[in-house]
C-alpha atoms as a PDB file:
ATOM      1  CA  UNK A   1      -7.680 -16.236  -2.232  1.00  0.00           C
ATOM      2  CA  UNK A   2      -3.977 -14.964  -2.558  1.00  0.00           C
ATOM      3  CA  UNK A   3      -2.277 -16.619  -5.450  1.00  0.00           C
ATOM      4  CA  UNK A   4       1.410 -17.088  -6.524  1.00  0.00           C
ATOM      5  CA  UNK A   5       1.090 -14.945  -9.735  1.00  0.00           C
ATOM      6  CA  UNK A   6       2.017 -11.445  -9.497  1.00  0.00           C
ATOM      7  CA  UNK A   7       0.122  -9.004 -11.361  1.00  0.00           C
ATOM      8  CA  UNK A   8       0.710  -5.448 -10.626  1.00  0.00           C
ATOM      9  CA  UNK A   9      -1.291  -2.650 -11.938  1.00  0.00           C
ATOM     10  CA  UNK A  10      -0.004   0.860 -11.724  1.00  0.00           C
ATOM     11  CA  UNK A  11      -2.257   3.820 -11.918  1.00  0.00           C
ATOM     12  CA  UNK A  12      -3.094   7.423 -11.401  1.00  0.00           C
ATOM     13  CA  UNK A  13      -4.165   7.526  -7.699  1.00  0.00           C
ATOM     14  CA  UNK A  14      -5.934  11.035  -8.582  1.00  0.00           C
ATOM     15  CA  UNK A  15      -6.380  12.270 -12.051  1.00  0.00           C
ATOM     16  CA  UNK A  16      -5.546  15.953 -10.997  1.00  0.00           C
ATOM     17  CA  UNK A  17      -2.518  14.844  -9.208  1.00  0.00           C
ATOM     18  CA  UNK A  18       0.766  13.985 -11.426  1.00  0.00           C
ATOM     19  CA  UNK A  19       3.126  11.462 -10.437  1.00  0.00           C
ATOM     20  CA  UNK A  20       1.377  10.013  -7.581  1.00  0.00           C
ATOM     21  CA  UNK A  21       0.278   6.288  -8.564  1.00  0.00           C
ATOM     22  CA  UNK A  22      -1.781   3.514  -6.487  1.00  0.00           C
ATOM     23  CA  UNK A  23      -0.590  -0.146  -6.925  1.00  0.00           C
ATOM     24  CA  UNK A  24      -3.224  -2.450  -7.301  1.00  0.00           C
ATOM     25  CA  UNK A  25      -2.829  -6.477  -7.082  1.00  0.00           C
ATOM     26  CA  UNK A  26      -6.006  -9.136  -7.313  1.00  0.00           C
ATOM     27  CA  UNK A  27      -8.366  -6.488  -6.954  1.00  0.00           C
ATOM     28  CA  UNK A  28      -6.765  -4.577  -3.997  1.00  0.00           C
ATOM     29  CA  UNK A  29      -4.788  -1.403  -3.655  1.00  0.00           C
ATOM     30  CA  UNK A  30      -1.560  -2.571  -1.982  1.00  0.00           C
ATOM     31  CA  UNK A  31       0.688   0.407  -2.171  1.00  0.00           C
ATOM     32  CA  UNK A  32       1.762   3.885  -3.665  1.00  0.00           C
ATOM     33  CA  UNK A  33       4.616   5.081  -5.844  1.00  0.00           C
ATOM     34  CA  UNK A  34       4.824   8.718  -5.988  1.00  0.00           C
ATOM     35  CA  UNK A  35       7.246  11.281  -6.928  1.00  0.00           C
ATOM     36  CA  UNK A  36       9.382  12.381  -3.576  1.00  0.00           C
ATOM     37  CA  UNK A  37       8.739  16.036  -2.866  1.00  0.00           C
ATOM     38  CA  UNK A  38      11.517  16.078  -0.356  1.00  0.00           C
ATOM     39  CA  UNK A  39      13.952  13.793  -2.505  1.00  0.00           C
ATOM     40  CA  UNK A  40      17.437  13.667  -0.910  1.00  0.00           C
ATOM     41  CA  UNK A  41      18.964  13.475  -4.541  1.00  0.00           C
ATOM     42  CA  UNK A  42      18.417  12.540  -8.024  1.00  0.00           C
ATOM     43  CA  UNK A  43      18.796   8.764  -6.846  1.00  0.00           C
ATOM     44  CA  UNK A  44      15.769   9.149  -4.629  1.00  0.00           C
ATOM     45  CA  UNK A  45      13.517  11.374  -6.955  1.00  0.00           C
ATOM     46  CA  UNK A  46      10.804   8.491  -6.318  1.00  0.00           C
ATOM     47  CA  UNK A  47       9.319   6.639  -3.412  1.00  0.00           C
ATOM     48  CA  UNK A  48       7.391   3.406  -3.066  1.00  0.00           C
ATOM     49  CA  UNK A  49       5.527   1.679  -0.306  1.00  0.00           C
ATOM     50  CA  UNK A  50       3.624  -1.452   0.203  1.00  0.00           C
ATOM     51  CA  UNK A  51       0.506  -0.548   2.230  1.00  0.00           C
ATOM     52  CA  UNK A  52      -1.486  -3.286   3.576  1.00  0.00           C
ATOM     53  CA  UNK A  53      -3.049  -3.721   6.955  1.00  0.00           C
ATOM     54  CA  UNK A  54      -0.323  -5.364   9.048  1.00  0.00           C
ATOM     55  CA  UNK A  55       2.923  -4.722  10.251  1.00  0.00           C
ATOM     56  CA  UNK A  56       5.473  -4.184   7.444  1.00  0.00           C
ATOM     57  CA  UNK A  57       9.158  -4.910   7.368  1.00  0.00           C
ATOM     58  CA  UNK A  58      11.655  -2.222   6.589  1.00  0.00           C
ATOM     59  CA  UNK A  59      12.423  -3.473   3.076  1.00  0.00           C
ATOM     60  CA  UNK A  60       8.558  -2.678   1.998  1.00  0.00           C
ATOM     61  CA  UNK A  61       9.408   0.715   1.268  1.00  0.00           C
ATOM     62  CA  UNK A  62      12.171   2.658  -0.544  1.00  0.00           C
ATOM     63  CA  UNK A  63      13.468   5.286  -2.795  1.00  0.00           C
ATOM     64  CA  UNK A  64      14.448   4.962  -6.475  1.00  0.00           C
ATOM     65  CA  UNK A  65      16.044   7.134  -9.400  1.00  0.00           C
ATOM     66  CA  UNK A  66      12.828   7.247 -11.619  1.00  0.00           C
ATOM     67  CA  UNK A  67       9.429   5.791 -11.891  1.00  0.00           C
ATOM     68  CA  UNK A  68      10.374   2.566 -13.672  1.00  0.00           C
ATOM     69  CA  UNK A  69      13.004   1.710 -11.116  1.00  0.00           C
ATOM     70  CA  UNK A  70      10.621   2.552  -8.435  1.00  0.00           C
ATOM     71  CA  UNK A  71       7.818   0.012 -10.090  1.00  0.00           C
ATOM     72  CA  UNK A  72      10.586  -2.875 -10.234  1.00  0.00           C
ATOM     73  CA  UNK A  73      11.591  -2.318  -6.873  1.00  0.00           C
ATOM     74  CA  UNK A  74       7.916  -2.475  -5.695  1.00  0.00           C
ATOM     75  CA  UNK A  75       7.537  -5.527  -7.634  1.00  0.00           C
ATOM     76  CA  UNK A  76      10.324  -7.348  -5.948  1.00  0.00           C
ATOM     77  CA  UNK A  77       9.499  -6.412  -2.737  1.00  0.00           C
ATOM     78  CA  UNK A  78       5.903  -7.581  -3.137  1.00  0.00           C
ATOM     79  CA  UNK A  79       7.080 -10.933  -4.444  1.00  0.00           C
ATOM     80  CA  UNK A  80       9.389 -11.282  -1.613  1.00  0.00           C
ATOM     81  CA  UNK A  81       6.213 -10.328   1.016  1.00  0.00           C
ATOM     82  CA  UNK A  82       4.109 -12.843  -0.754  1.00  0.00           C
ATOM     83  CA  UNK A  83       6.825 -15.434  -0.650  1.00  0.00           C
ATOM     84  CA  UNK A  84       7.934 -14.786   3.197  1.00  0.00           C
ATOM     85  CA  UNK A  85       4.079 -14.201   4.532  1.00  0.00           C
ATOM     86  CA  UNK A  86       1.556 -17.172   5.210  1.00  0.00           C
ATOM     87  CA  UNK A  87      -1.308 -16.894   3.001  1.00  0.00           C
ATOM     88  CA  UNK A  88      -3.468 -16.974   6.177  1.00  0.00           C
ATOM     89  CA  UNK A  89      -1.908 -14.017   7.702  1.00  0.00           C
ATOM     90  CA  UNK A  90      -2.402 -11.905   4.465  1.00  0.00           C
ATOM     91  CA  UNK A  91      -6.095 -13.031   4.221  1.00  0.00           C
ATOM     92  CA  UNK A  92      -6.450 -12.054   7.919  1.00  0.00           C
ATOM     93  CA  UNK A  93      -4.939  -8.702   7.310  1.00  0.00           C
ATOM     94  CA  UNK A  94      -7.391  -7.973   4.357  1.00  0.00           C
ATOM     95  CA  UNK A  95     -10.256  -8.914   6.484  1.00  0.00           C
ATOM     96  CA  UNK A  96      -9.195  -6.712   9.337  1.00  0.00           C
ATOM     97  CA  UNK A  97      -8.479  -3.818   6.806  1.00  0.00           C
ATOM     98  CA  UNK A  98     -12.192  -4.678   5.370  1.00  0.00           C
ATOM     99  CA  UNK A  99     -13.647  -4.510   8.997  1.00  0.00           C
ATOM    100  CA  UNK A 100     -12.117  -0.976   9.711  1.00  0.00           C
ATOM    101  CA  UNK A 101     -13.145   0.417   6.175  1.00  0.00           C
ATOM    102  CA  UNK A 102     -16.616  -0.722   7.326  1.00  0.00           C
ATOM    103  CA  UNK A 103     -16.511   0.824  10.644  1.00  0.00           C
ATOM    104  CA  UNK A 104     -15.201   4.104   9.743  1.00  0.00           C
ATOM    105  CA  UNK A 105     -18.038   4.361   7.264  1.00  0.00           C
ATOM    106  CA  UNK A 106     -20.806   3.416   9.756  1.00  0.00           C
ATOM    107  CA  UNK A 107     -22.202   6.346  11.628  1.00  0.00           C
ATOM    108  CA  UNK A 108     -21.292   6.089  15.405  1.00  0.00           C
ATOM    109  CA  UNK A 109     -23.953   7.022  17.978  1.00  0.00           C
ATOM    110  CA  UNK A 110     -23.390  10.397  19.876  1.00  0.00           C
ATOM    111  CA  UNK A 111     -21.795   9.609  23.154  1.00  0.00           C
ATOM    112  CA  UNK A 112     -22.915  11.582  26.368  1.00  0.00           C
ATOM    113  CA  UNK A 113     -20.102  13.307  28.209  1.00  0.00           C
ATOM    114  CA  UNK A 114     -18.658  11.615  30.981  1.00  0.00           C
ATOM    115  CA  UNK A 115     -20.172  12.425  34.428  1.00  0.00           C
ATOM    116  CA  UNK A 116     -23.504  13.613  33.108  1.00  0.00           C
END
């Protein structure tokens, strides 16, 4: 169940890679904040993305001058997404994402070549 409270946890995605963070909310990874390797200038040194399994609006990603600004921008966009998206649609996206993860983790039987 999605609630109206916005609690985000920003933590390193991989311990051995600096400046690449996963953003979590309510036990789900919902996005990334990372140092932009191909930054277009000092105002775009960090990039952020909301990544949930549904079509995302253009404002669900962006760039910022530093990590703290990226976290603030991410938080504002996440709040907007929660406000503008029906809870049922978000719940369905989580269900579809979970089904895709399970399907990817399940070994598939080998298919015989066509025409044999």
